N, C-alpha and C. Protein backbone atom coordinates (compact mmCIF):
# COMPACT_ATOMS: atom_id res chain seq x y z
N MET A 1 0.97 -11.07 19.92
CA MET A 1 1.35 -10.97 21.33
C MET A 1 0.28 -11.61 22.19
N SER A 2 0.69 -12.41 23.18
CA SER A 2 -0.26 -13.06 24.07
C SER A 2 -0.92 -12.03 24.97
N SER A 3 -2.05 -12.43 25.55
CA SER A 3 -2.78 -11.51 26.42
C SER A 3 -1.95 -11.16 27.65
N ASP A 4 -1.20 -12.13 28.17
CA ASP A 4 -0.37 -11.86 29.35
C ASP A 4 0.75 -10.87 29.00
N ALA A 5 1.37 -11.08 27.83
CA ALA A 5 2.45 -10.18 27.42
C ALA A 5 1.92 -8.77 27.19
N GLU A 6 0.72 -8.67 26.59
CA GLU A 6 0.14 -7.34 26.36
C GLU A 6 -0.20 -6.67 27.68
N ALA A 7 -0.76 -7.43 28.61
CA ALA A 7 -1.09 -6.87 29.92
C ALA A 7 0.16 -6.35 30.62
N ASN A 8 1.26 -7.10 30.50
CA ASN A 8 2.51 -6.67 31.12
C ASN A 8 3.03 -5.39 30.46
N LEU A 9 2.92 -5.35 29.12
CA LEU A 9 3.38 -4.17 28.40
C LEU A 9 2.57 -2.94 28.80
N LEU A 10 1.26 -3.09 28.90
CA LEU A 10 0.40 -1.97 29.29
C LEU A 10 0.68 -1.53 30.72
N SER A 11 0.99 -2.50 31.57
CA SER A 11 1.34 -2.16 32.95
C SER A 11 2.61 -1.32 33.00
N ARG A 12 3.57 -1.66 32.17
CA ARG A 12 4.81 -0.88 32.09
C ARG A 12 4.53 0.54 31.56
N CYS A 13 3.60 0.63 30.60
CA CYS A 13 3.22 1.96 30.08
C CYS A 13 2.61 2.81 31.18
N ARG A 14 1.77 2.19 31.99
CA ARG A 14 1.12 2.94 33.07
C ARG A 14 2.15 3.44 34.08
N ARG A 15 3.26 2.71 34.20
CA ARG A 15 4.32 3.14 35.11
C ARG A 15 5.21 4.22 34.48
N GLY A 16 4.93 4.53 33.20
CA GLY A 16 5.66 5.60 32.55
C GLY A 16 6.98 5.21 31.91
N GLU A 17 7.15 3.92 31.61
CA GLU A 17 8.40 3.48 30.99
C GLU A 17 8.41 3.86 29.51
N ALA A 18 9.37 4.69 29.12
CA ALA A 18 9.44 5.19 27.75
C ALA A 18 9.61 4.05 26.74
N GLU A 19 10.42 3.07 27.07
CA GLU A 19 10.64 1.96 26.15
C GLU A 19 9.36 1.16 25.92
N ALA A 20 8.54 1.05 26.95
CA ALA A 20 7.28 0.33 26.82
C ALA A 20 6.34 1.06 25.87
N TRP A 21 6.29 2.39 25.97
CA TRP A 21 5.45 3.17 25.07
C TRP A 21 5.91 3.01 23.63
N GLU A 22 7.22 3.05 23.42
CA GLU A 22 7.74 2.87 22.07
C GLU A 22 7.36 1.50 21.51
N GLU A 23 7.44 0.48 22.35
CA GLU A 23 7.09 -0.87 21.92
C GLU A 23 5.60 -0.95 21.59
N LEU A 24 4.78 -0.32 22.41
CA LEU A 24 3.33 -0.35 22.18
C LEU A 24 2.98 0.34 20.87
N PHE A 25 3.58 1.49 20.62
CA PHE A 25 3.31 2.21 19.39
C PHE A 25 3.80 1.43 18.17
N ASP A 26 4.98 0.85 18.28
CA ASP A 26 5.50 0.06 17.16
C ASP A 26 4.58 -1.11 16.82
N LEU A 27 3.98 -1.70 17.83
CA LEU A 27 3.11 -2.85 17.62
C LEU A 27 1.79 -2.48 16.93
N HIS A 28 1.27 -1.30 17.23
CA HIS A 28 -0.09 -0.96 16.80
C HIS A 28 -0.18 0.21 15.84
N TYR A 29 0.92 0.86 15.60
CA TYR A 29 0.95 2.07 14.76
C TYR A 29 0.39 1.84 13.36
N ALA A 30 0.94 0.85 12.66
CA ALA A 30 0.55 0.61 11.26
C ALA A 30 -0.89 0.15 11.15
N ALA A 31 -1.32 -0.73 12.06
CA ALA A 31 -2.70 -1.25 12.00
C ALA A 31 -3.71 -0.12 12.21
N ALA A 32 -3.42 0.77 13.16
CA ALA A 32 -4.32 1.89 13.40
C ALA A 32 -4.38 2.82 12.20
N ALA A 33 -3.23 3.04 11.56
CA ALA A 33 -3.19 3.91 10.39
C ALA A 33 -4.00 3.32 9.24
N ARG A 34 -3.86 2.01 9.02
CA ARG A 34 -4.65 1.36 7.96
C ARG A 34 -6.14 1.48 8.25
N PHE A 35 -6.50 1.31 9.51
CA PHE A 35 -7.90 1.42 9.91
C PHE A 35 -8.43 2.82 9.60
N VAL A 36 -7.69 3.85 10.01
CA VAL A 36 -8.11 5.24 9.77
C VAL A 36 -8.19 5.52 8.28
N PHE A 37 -7.20 5.04 7.54
CA PHE A 37 -7.16 5.29 6.10
C PHE A 37 -8.41 4.76 5.40
N GLN A 38 -8.92 3.64 5.89
CA GLN A 38 -10.09 3.03 5.26
C GLN A 38 -11.40 3.69 5.66
N LEU A 39 -11.38 4.48 6.71
CA LEU A 39 -12.62 5.08 7.18
C LEU A 39 -13.17 6.14 6.24
N SER A 40 -12.30 6.76 5.47
CA SER A 40 -12.76 7.80 4.54
C SER A 40 -11.89 7.81 3.31
N PRO A 41 -12.49 7.77 2.11
CA PRO A 41 -11.71 7.73 0.88
C PRO A 41 -10.96 9.02 0.59
N ASP A 42 -11.31 10.11 1.26
CA ASP A 42 -10.64 11.38 0.97
C ASP A 42 -9.56 11.73 1.99
N PHE A 43 -9.22 10.80 2.88
CA PHE A 43 -8.12 11.04 3.80
C PHE A 43 -6.79 10.91 3.07
N SER A 44 -5.95 11.92 3.19
CA SER A 44 -4.60 11.85 2.64
C SER A 44 -3.67 11.23 3.68
N ARG A 45 -2.43 10.96 3.26
CA ARG A 45 -1.44 10.44 4.21
C ARG A 45 -1.26 11.41 5.38
N GLU A 46 -1.23 12.71 5.05
CA GLU A 46 -1.05 13.71 6.10
C GLU A 46 -2.24 13.71 7.06
N ASP A 47 -3.45 13.55 6.52
CA ASP A 47 -4.63 13.48 7.37
C ASP A 47 -4.54 12.31 8.34
N VAL A 48 -4.15 11.14 7.80
CA VAL A 48 -4.04 9.94 8.61
C VAL A 48 -3.01 10.14 9.72
N GLU A 49 -1.89 10.75 9.38
CA GLU A 49 -0.86 10.97 10.38
C GLU A 49 -1.37 11.90 11.49
N GLU A 50 -2.08 12.95 11.10
CA GLU A 50 -2.59 13.89 12.10
C GLU A 50 -3.60 13.20 13.02
N ILE A 51 -4.49 12.41 12.42
CA ILE A 51 -5.50 11.70 13.21
C ILE A 51 -4.84 10.71 14.17
N CYS A 52 -3.85 9.98 13.66
CA CYS A 52 -3.17 8.99 14.49
C CYS A 52 -2.37 9.64 15.62
N GLN A 53 -1.80 10.80 15.34
CA GLN A 53 -1.07 11.51 16.38
C GLN A 53 -2.02 11.90 17.52
N GLU A 54 -3.20 12.35 17.14
CA GLU A 54 -4.20 12.69 18.16
C GLU A 54 -4.60 11.45 18.94
N ALA A 55 -4.71 10.32 18.25
CA ALA A 55 -5.07 9.08 18.91
C ALA A 55 -3.99 8.66 19.89
N PHE A 56 -2.71 8.79 19.46
CA PHE A 56 -1.58 8.47 20.35
C PHE A 56 -1.66 9.29 21.63
N LEU A 57 -1.92 10.59 21.47
CA LEU A 57 -2.00 11.45 22.64
C LEU A 57 -3.13 11.03 23.57
N SER A 58 -4.23 10.60 22.98
CA SER A 58 -5.35 10.15 23.80
C SER A 58 -4.99 8.88 24.57
N VAL A 59 -4.26 7.99 23.90
CA VAL A 59 -3.83 6.76 24.57
C VAL A 59 -2.96 7.09 25.77
N ILE A 60 -2.01 8.00 25.57
CA ILE A 60 -1.11 8.38 26.66
C ILE A 60 -1.88 8.98 27.82
N ARG A 61 -2.84 9.84 27.49
CA ARG A 61 -3.61 10.51 28.55
C ARG A 61 -4.56 9.57 29.28
N ASN A 62 -5.06 8.56 28.56
CA ASN A 62 -6.15 7.75 29.11
C ASN A 62 -5.80 6.29 29.35
N ILE A 63 -4.53 5.94 29.28
CA ILE A 63 -4.16 4.54 29.43
C ILE A 63 -4.63 3.97 30.76
N ALA A 64 -4.70 4.79 31.78
CA ALA A 64 -5.13 4.31 33.09
C ALA A 64 -6.58 3.85 33.09
N SER A 65 -7.37 4.37 32.15
CA SER A 65 -8.79 4.01 32.11
C SER A 65 -9.04 2.71 31.36
N PHE A 66 -8.02 2.20 30.67
CA PHE A 66 -8.19 0.95 29.94
C PHE A 66 -8.08 -0.22 30.91
N GLN A 67 -9.17 -0.94 31.08
CA GLN A 67 -9.23 -2.01 32.07
C GLN A 67 -9.01 -3.40 31.49
N GLY A 68 -8.85 -3.48 30.17
CA GLY A 68 -8.58 -4.78 29.57
C GLY A 68 -9.80 -5.62 29.30
N ALA A 69 -10.99 -5.02 29.31
CA ALA A 69 -12.20 -5.79 28.99
C ALA A 69 -12.17 -6.27 27.55
N SER A 70 -11.54 -5.52 26.69
CA SER A 70 -11.35 -5.91 25.29
C SER A 70 -9.85 -5.85 24.99
N GLN A 71 -9.46 -6.28 23.80
CA GLN A 71 -8.07 -6.17 23.41
C GLN A 71 -7.70 -4.70 23.25
N PHE A 72 -6.45 -4.39 23.49
CA PHE A 72 -6.00 -3.01 23.37
C PHE A 72 -6.26 -2.46 21.97
N GLN A 73 -5.98 -3.27 20.93
CA GLN A 73 -6.17 -2.79 19.57
C GLN A 73 -7.63 -2.43 19.30
N THR A 74 -8.56 -3.20 19.86
CA THR A 74 -9.98 -2.89 19.70
C THR A 74 -10.30 -1.54 20.32
N TRP A 75 -9.78 -1.32 21.50
CA TRP A 75 -9.96 -0.04 22.19
C TRP A 75 -9.36 1.09 21.35
N LEU A 76 -8.19 0.83 20.82
CA LEU A 76 -7.49 1.81 19.98
C LEU A 76 -8.30 2.17 18.74
N PHE A 77 -8.88 1.16 18.10
CA PHE A 77 -9.68 1.41 16.90
C PHE A 77 -10.89 2.28 17.21
N ARG A 78 -11.51 2.05 18.35
CA ARG A 78 -12.68 2.88 18.72
C ARG A 78 -12.26 4.34 18.91
N ILE A 79 -11.10 4.53 19.50
CA ILE A 79 -10.60 5.89 19.70
C ILE A 79 -10.27 6.52 18.35
N ALA A 80 -9.62 5.74 17.50
CA ALA A 80 -9.22 6.25 16.18
C ALA A 80 -10.44 6.65 15.37
N ALA A 81 -11.52 5.86 15.47
CA ALA A 81 -12.74 6.19 14.74
C ALA A 81 -13.31 7.52 15.23
N ASN A 82 -13.26 7.74 16.54
CA ASN A 82 -13.74 9.01 17.09
C ASN A 82 -12.88 10.19 16.62
N LYS A 83 -11.56 9.98 16.61
CA LYS A 83 -10.67 11.04 16.17
C LYS A 83 -10.87 11.35 14.68
N ALA A 84 -11.10 10.30 13.89
CA ALA A 84 -11.34 10.51 12.46
C ALA A 84 -12.64 11.28 12.25
N ARG A 85 -13.63 10.98 13.06
CA ARG A 85 -14.91 11.68 12.96
C ARG A 85 -14.74 13.14 13.35
N ASP A 86 -13.98 13.38 14.42
CA ASP A 86 -13.70 14.76 14.83
C ASP A 86 -13.01 15.53 13.71
N PHE A 87 -12.03 14.86 13.09
CA PHE A 87 -11.25 15.50 12.02
C PHE A 87 -12.16 15.89 10.86
N ARG A 88 -13.05 14.99 10.45
CA ARG A 88 -13.98 15.30 9.34
C ARG A 88 -14.89 16.46 9.71
N GLU A 89 -15.39 16.47 10.93
CA GLU A 89 -16.29 17.54 11.35
C GLU A 89 -15.58 18.88 11.34
N HIS A 90 -14.35 18.90 11.83
CA HIS A 90 -13.59 20.16 11.85
C HIS A 90 -13.34 20.65 10.42
N ARG A 91 -12.98 19.73 9.55
CA ARG A 91 -12.68 20.13 8.16
C ARG A 91 -13.94 20.62 7.46
N GLN A 92 -15.06 19.94 7.70
CA GLN A 92 -16.31 20.37 7.07
C GLN A 92 -16.73 21.75 7.59
N ALA A 93 -16.51 21.98 8.88
CA ALA A 93 -16.84 23.28 9.46
C ALA A 93 -15.98 24.37 8.85
N ALA A 94 -14.71 24.06 8.63
CA ALA A 94 -13.80 25.04 8.03
C ALA A 94 -14.21 25.36 6.60
N LYS A 95 -14.67 24.34 5.87
CA LYS A 95 -15.10 24.56 4.49
C LYS A 95 -16.36 25.42 4.42
N ARG A 96 -17.20 25.28 5.45
CA ARG A 96 -18.43 26.08 5.46
C ARG A 96 -18.14 27.54 5.74
N GLY A 97 -16.93 27.82 6.23
CA GLY A 97 -16.55 29.21 6.46
C GLY A 97 -16.76 29.64 7.89
N GLY A 98 -16.42 30.88 8.13
CA GLY A 98 -16.60 31.43 9.46
C GLY A 98 -15.36 31.35 10.30
N GLY A 99 -14.45 30.45 9.94
CA GLY A 99 -13.19 30.35 10.66
C GLY A 99 -13.30 29.81 12.06
N GLN A 100 -14.48 29.28 12.42
CA GLN A 100 -14.65 28.76 13.76
C GLN A 100 -14.64 27.24 13.71
N THR A 101 -13.87 26.66 14.62
CA THR A 101 -13.81 25.19 14.70
C THR A 101 -14.55 24.75 15.94
N PRO A 102 -15.62 23.95 15.78
CA PRO A 102 -16.40 23.53 16.94
C PRO A 102 -15.62 22.58 17.82
N VAL A 103 -15.91 22.62 19.12
CA VAL A 103 -15.30 21.67 20.04
C VAL A 103 -15.99 20.33 19.87
N SER A 104 -15.23 19.26 19.74
CA SER A 104 -15.80 17.93 19.52
C SER A 104 -16.53 17.44 20.76
N LEU A 105 -17.64 16.78 20.55
CA LEU A 105 -18.39 16.18 21.65
C LEU A 105 -18.18 14.68 21.70
N GLN A 106 -17.30 14.16 20.83
CA GLN A 106 -17.18 12.71 20.73
C GLN A 106 -15.84 12.18 21.21
N ALA A 107 -14.91 13.04 21.63
CA ALA A 107 -13.61 12.54 22.07
C ALA A 107 -13.78 11.91 23.43
N GLU A 108 -13.88 10.56 23.46
CA GLU A 108 -14.19 9.90 24.71
C GLU A 108 -13.13 8.92 25.15
N ASP A 109 -12.39 8.33 24.19
CA ASP A 109 -11.41 7.31 24.53
C ASP A 109 -10.03 7.74 24.11
N PRO A 110 -9.00 6.95 24.45
CA PRO A 110 -7.66 7.15 23.94
C PRO A 110 -7.42 6.31 22.73
N GLU A 111 -6.34 6.59 22.02
CA GLU A 111 -6.03 5.74 20.87
C GLU A 111 -4.71 6.06 20.22
N ASN A 112 -4.34 5.30 19.17
CA ASN A 112 -3.01 5.47 18.56
C ASN A 112 -2.98 4.99 17.13
N GLY A 113 -2.01 5.46 16.38
CA GLY A 113 -1.83 4.96 15.04
C GLY A 113 -0.98 5.89 14.21
N LEU A 114 -0.41 5.38 13.14
CA LEU A 114 0.34 6.24 12.22
C LEU A 114 0.92 5.47 11.05
N THR A 115 1.62 6.17 10.21
CA THR A 115 2.27 5.65 8.99
C THR A 115 1.46 4.64 8.23
N ILE A 116 1.16 4.98 7.02
CA ILE A 116 0.54 4.02 6.12
C ILE A 116 1.22 4.12 4.78
N ASP A 117 1.58 3.00 4.24
CA ASP A 117 2.29 2.98 2.97
C ASP A 117 1.59 2.00 2.05
N PRO A 118 0.62 2.45 1.26
CA PRO A 118 -0.14 1.53 0.41
C PRO A 118 0.78 0.79 -0.53
N PRO A 119 0.52 -0.50 -0.77
CA PRO A 119 1.38 -1.28 -1.66
C PRO A 119 1.35 -0.75 -3.08
N SER A 120 2.46 -0.88 -3.77
CA SER A 120 2.57 -0.35 -5.12
C SER A 120 1.86 -1.22 -6.15
N ASN A 121 1.61 -2.50 -5.79
CA ASN A 121 0.95 -3.39 -6.74
C ASN A 121 -0.56 -3.35 -6.56
N GLY A 122 -1.09 -2.15 -6.38
CA GLY A 122 -2.51 -1.97 -6.16
C GLY A 122 -3.30 -2.01 -7.45
N PRO A 123 -4.60 -1.71 -7.36
CA PRO A 123 -5.45 -1.74 -8.55
C PRO A 123 -5.11 -0.62 -9.51
N SER A 124 -5.63 -0.73 -10.71
CA SER A 124 -5.39 0.29 -11.72
C SER A 124 -6.06 1.60 -11.32
N PRO A 125 -5.68 2.72 -11.95
CA PRO A 125 -6.30 4.01 -11.61
C PRO A 125 -7.82 3.98 -11.73
N ASP A 126 -8.34 3.31 -12.79
CA ASP A 126 -9.79 3.23 -12.95
C ASP A 126 -10.42 2.48 -11.80
N ALA A 127 -9.80 1.37 -11.40
CA ALA A 127 -10.33 0.58 -10.29
C ALA A 127 -10.25 1.36 -8.99
N GLN A 128 -9.16 2.11 -8.82
CA GLN A 128 -9.02 2.92 -7.62
C GLN A 128 -10.11 3.98 -7.54
N LEU A 129 -10.42 4.59 -8.68
CA LEU A 129 -11.47 5.59 -8.71
C LEU A 129 -12.81 4.98 -8.35
N MET A 130 -13.09 3.79 -8.92
CA MET A 130 -14.34 3.11 -8.62
C MET A 130 -14.42 2.76 -7.13
N ASN A 131 -13.30 2.23 -6.58
CA ASN A 131 -13.29 1.90 -5.17
C ASN A 131 -13.48 3.14 -4.31
N SER A 132 -12.85 4.24 -4.72
CA SER A 132 -12.97 5.48 -3.98
C SER A 132 -14.41 5.98 -3.97
N GLU A 133 -15.08 5.89 -5.14
CA GLU A 133 -16.47 6.33 -5.22
C GLU A 133 -17.37 5.45 -4.37
N ARG A 134 -17.10 4.15 -4.39
CA ARG A 134 -17.91 3.24 -3.56
C ARG A 134 -17.71 3.51 -2.08
N LEU A 135 -16.45 3.72 -1.69
CA LEU A 135 -16.16 4.01 -0.29
C LEU A 135 -16.81 5.33 0.14
N ALA A 136 -16.80 6.31 -0.74
CA ALA A 136 -17.42 7.59 -0.43
C ALA A 136 -18.92 7.41 -0.20
N LEU A 137 -19.54 6.57 -1.04
CA LEU A 137 -20.97 6.32 -0.91
C LEU A 137 -21.27 5.60 0.40
N VAL A 138 -20.45 4.60 0.73
CA VAL A 138 -20.64 3.86 1.97
C VAL A 138 -20.46 4.80 3.17
N ARG A 139 -19.44 5.67 3.10
CA ARG A 139 -19.22 6.61 4.19
C ARG A 139 -20.41 7.54 4.38
N GLN A 140 -20.96 8.04 3.29
CA GLN A 140 -22.13 8.92 3.40
C GLN A 140 -23.31 8.16 4.01
N ALA A 141 -23.47 6.91 3.59
CA ALA A 141 -24.57 6.11 4.13
C ALA A 141 -24.37 5.84 5.62
N LEU A 142 -23.13 5.57 6.03
CA LEU A 142 -22.85 5.34 7.44
C LEU A 142 -23.14 6.57 8.27
N GLU A 143 -22.82 7.74 7.72
CA GLU A 143 -23.11 8.98 8.45
C GLU A 143 -24.61 9.15 8.64
N GLN A 144 -25.38 8.70 7.67
CA GLN A 144 -26.83 8.84 7.76
C GLN A 144 -27.44 7.89 8.80
N ILE A 145 -26.95 6.64 8.85
CA ILE A 145 -27.57 5.69 9.78
C ILE A 145 -27.11 5.94 11.21
N GLY A 146 -25.94 6.59 11.38
CA GLY A 146 -25.51 6.99 12.71
C GLY A 146 -25.18 5.84 13.65
N GLU A 147 -25.05 6.17 14.94
CA GLU A 147 -24.75 5.18 15.96
C GLU A 147 -26.03 4.45 16.37
N PRO A 148 -25.94 3.18 16.87
CA PRO A 148 -24.71 2.40 17.06
C PRO A 148 -24.28 1.62 15.81
N CYS A 149 -25.06 1.73 14.74
CA CYS A 149 -24.74 0.95 13.55
C CYS A 149 -23.40 1.34 12.95
N ARG A 150 -23.11 2.62 12.94
CA ARG A 150 -21.87 3.08 12.33
C ARG A 150 -20.66 2.43 13.00
N GLU A 151 -20.67 2.41 14.33
CA GLU A 151 -19.52 1.88 15.05
C GLU A 151 -19.35 0.38 14.84
N ILE A 152 -20.42 -0.36 14.90
CA ILE A 152 -20.30 -1.81 14.78
C ILE A 152 -19.86 -2.21 13.37
N ILE A 153 -20.32 -1.48 12.36
CA ILE A 153 -19.89 -1.77 10.98
C ILE A 153 -18.44 -1.38 10.78
N GLU A 154 -18.02 -0.26 11.33
CA GLU A 154 -16.62 0.16 11.21
C GLU A 154 -15.69 -0.86 11.86
N LEU A 155 -16.05 -1.32 13.05
CA LEU A 155 -15.18 -2.27 13.74
C LEU A 155 -15.11 -3.60 13.00
N ARG A 156 -16.24 -4.03 12.43
CA ARG A 156 -16.27 -5.33 11.77
C ARG A 156 -15.57 -5.30 10.41
N TYR A 157 -15.88 -4.30 9.60
CA TYR A 157 -15.42 -4.33 8.21
C TYR A 157 -14.20 -3.45 7.94
N PHE A 158 -14.01 -2.39 8.72
CA PHE A 158 -12.80 -1.59 8.56
C PHE A 158 -11.71 -2.05 9.53
N GLY A 159 -12.12 -2.42 10.74
CA GLY A 159 -11.16 -2.91 11.73
C GLY A 159 -10.92 -4.40 11.64
N ASP A 160 -11.77 -5.13 10.90
CA ASP A 160 -11.64 -6.57 10.71
C ASP A 160 -11.64 -7.31 12.05
N LEU A 161 -12.49 -6.87 12.97
CA LEU A 161 -12.58 -7.51 14.27
C LEU A 161 -13.59 -8.65 14.23
N SER A 162 -13.35 -9.66 15.05
CA SER A 162 -14.27 -10.80 15.14
C SER A 162 -15.48 -10.41 15.96
N TYR A 163 -16.53 -11.24 15.91
CA TYR A 163 -17.71 -10.98 16.73
C TYR A 163 -17.34 -10.97 18.21
N GLU A 164 -16.43 -11.86 18.61
CA GLU A 164 -16.02 -11.93 20.01
C GLU A 164 -15.32 -10.64 20.43
N GLU A 165 -14.46 -10.12 19.57
CA GLU A 165 -13.75 -8.89 19.90
C GLU A 165 -14.72 -7.71 19.98
N ILE A 166 -15.67 -7.67 19.06
CA ILE A 166 -16.67 -6.60 19.09
C ILE A 166 -17.55 -6.71 20.32
N SER A 167 -17.92 -7.92 20.66
CA SER A 167 -18.78 -8.12 21.83
C SER A 167 -18.09 -7.65 23.10
N ALA A 168 -16.77 -7.89 23.19
CA ALA A 168 -16.03 -7.44 24.37
C ALA A 168 -15.94 -5.92 24.39
N ALA A 169 -15.72 -5.30 23.22
CA ALA A 169 -15.57 -3.85 23.14
C ALA A 169 -16.88 -3.13 23.46
N LEU A 170 -17.99 -3.70 23.00
CA LEU A 170 -19.29 -3.03 23.15
C LEU A 170 -20.12 -3.59 24.30
N ASN A 171 -19.54 -4.55 25.02
CA ASN A 171 -20.23 -5.17 26.15
C ASN A 171 -21.54 -5.82 25.72
N LEU A 172 -21.46 -6.59 24.64
CA LEU A 172 -22.61 -7.32 24.12
C LEU A 172 -22.22 -8.78 23.96
N ASN A 173 -23.20 -9.68 23.96
CA ASN A 173 -22.84 -11.06 23.69
C ASN A 173 -22.74 -11.27 22.17
N PRO A 174 -21.95 -12.26 21.73
CA PRO A 174 -21.72 -12.44 20.29
C PRO A 174 -23.00 -12.59 19.47
N LYS A 175 -24.03 -13.24 20.03
CA LYS A 175 -25.29 -13.39 19.29
C LYS A 175 -25.95 -12.04 19.05
N THR A 176 -25.87 -11.18 20.05
CA THR A 176 -26.43 -9.83 19.89
C THR A 176 -25.65 -9.06 18.83
N VAL A 177 -24.32 -9.22 18.84
CA VAL A 177 -23.49 -8.56 17.83
C VAL A 177 -23.90 -9.01 16.44
N SER A 178 -24.07 -10.33 16.26
CA SER A 178 -24.46 -10.88 14.96
C SER A 178 -25.80 -10.34 14.51
N SER A 179 -26.77 -10.33 15.43
CA SER A 179 -28.12 -9.86 15.10
C SER A 179 -28.11 -8.37 14.78
N ARG A 180 -27.42 -7.58 15.61
CA ARG A 180 -27.38 -6.14 15.39
C ARG A 180 -26.66 -5.80 14.09
N LEU A 181 -25.56 -6.52 13.82
CA LEU A 181 -24.81 -6.27 12.60
C LEU A 181 -25.66 -6.56 11.38
N SER A 182 -26.42 -7.65 11.42
CA SER A 182 -27.28 -8.00 10.30
C SER A 182 -28.33 -6.91 10.04
N LYS A 183 -28.95 -6.43 11.10
CA LYS A 183 -29.95 -5.38 10.96
C LYS A 183 -29.32 -4.08 10.46
N CYS A 184 -28.12 -3.78 10.95
CA CYS A 184 -27.45 -2.55 10.54
C CYS A 184 -27.05 -2.61 9.07
N LEU A 185 -26.63 -3.79 8.62
CA LEU A 185 -26.27 -3.94 7.21
C LEU A 185 -27.50 -3.78 6.32
N ASP A 186 -28.66 -4.27 6.81
CA ASP A 186 -29.90 -4.07 6.06
C ASP A 186 -30.22 -2.58 5.95
N ARG A 187 -30.03 -1.85 7.04
CA ARG A 187 -30.27 -0.41 7.01
C ARG A 187 -29.29 0.29 6.08
N LEU A 188 -28.03 -0.15 6.15
CA LEU A 188 -27.02 0.46 5.28
C LEU A 188 -27.36 0.23 3.81
N GLU A 189 -27.81 -0.97 3.48
CA GLU A 189 -28.17 -1.27 2.10
C GLU A 189 -29.35 -0.41 1.65
N THR A 190 -30.33 -0.25 2.53
CA THR A 190 -31.51 0.56 2.19
C THR A 190 -31.11 2.01 1.93
N VAL A 191 -30.28 2.56 2.80
CA VAL A 191 -29.84 3.95 2.64
C VAL A 191 -29.01 4.11 1.38
N THR A 192 -28.12 3.15 1.13
CA THR A 192 -27.26 3.23 -0.05
C THR A 192 -28.08 3.16 -1.33
N ARG A 193 -29.06 2.26 -1.38
CA ARG A 193 -29.94 2.16 -2.56
C ARG A 193 -30.69 3.46 -2.79
N SER A 194 -31.14 4.06 -1.70
CA SER A 194 -31.87 5.32 -1.81
C SER A 194 -30.97 6.42 -2.36
N MET A 195 -29.72 6.45 -1.90
CA MET A 195 -28.78 7.46 -2.38
C MET A 195 -28.47 7.25 -3.86
N LEU A 196 -28.31 5.99 -4.26
CA LEU A 196 -28.04 5.69 -5.67
C LEU A 196 -29.23 6.08 -6.54
N ALA A 197 -30.43 5.84 -6.04
CA ALA A 197 -31.63 6.17 -6.80
C ALA A 197 -31.74 7.68 -7.00
N ARG A 198 -31.39 8.45 -5.96
CA ARG A 198 -31.44 9.91 -6.06
C ARG A 198 -30.42 10.42 -7.07
N GLU A 199 -29.23 9.79 -7.07
CA GLU A 199 -28.20 10.20 -8.03
C GLU A 199 -28.64 9.95 -9.46
N LYS A 200 -29.28 8.80 -9.71
CA LYS A 200 -29.71 8.45 -11.05
C LYS A 200 -30.86 9.35 -11.53
N SER A 201 -31.67 9.80 -10.56
CA SER A 201 -32.82 10.63 -10.93
C SER A 201 -32.47 12.10 -11.09
N THR A 202 -31.26 12.47 -10.66
CA THR A 202 -30.83 13.87 -10.78
C THR A 202 -30.50 14.17 -12.22
N PRO A 203 -31.17 15.14 -12.84
CA PRO A 203 -30.89 15.45 -14.23
C PRO A 203 -29.49 16.00 -14.43
N PHE A 204 -28.89 15.60 -15.53
CA PHE A 204 -27.54 16.09 -15.84
C PHE A 204 -27.62 17.48 -16.44
N SER A 205 -26.78 18.37 -15.93
CA SER A 205 -26.79 19.73 -16.45
C SER A 205 -25.37 20.12 -16.82
N VAL A 206 -25.26 20.91 -17.87
CA VAL A 206 -23.95 21.37 -18.35
C VAL A 206 -23.66 22.73 -17.76
């Protein structure tokens, strides 16, 4: 969709046209779901749907705040990443017990997404397990390095955004994006190597 067509569609959404909202969701639903699905290897289809539903609601509530500095999908991905982070925090809190769910401090933007149907011609079960383990390791490392590295890596490698798109979303020039991304990847590699070293040094117990 051209930038003018997207701007017109968003303008119709702001006016409350139901058909415009349906068109917007149809355009971005699957992409947002794929993005969320890749953010964590332990997200189920139901998890992705719940996260995307929350993102949709945020988009509806906050569409007026979207000024078009970046593409809508870029804005959506940032919201989806926040919603996914909220979801993980709530689930981890529930696992720790106490029955109390903390209020998220990171819900800042709107967003949308849903339905993901992984292709049937995927990798073998062994390869899937290996990929899942690698993704879990990367996710743990990303949690350790925190912001702003986590966001820029997610947008680049999970959202598949260009440097120009990231620069618009984060209000940085492309050269700064390139430099920051390079430094963040170095940090990610260092943290990942450290985690791997700790795993190898942990004695096996029966």
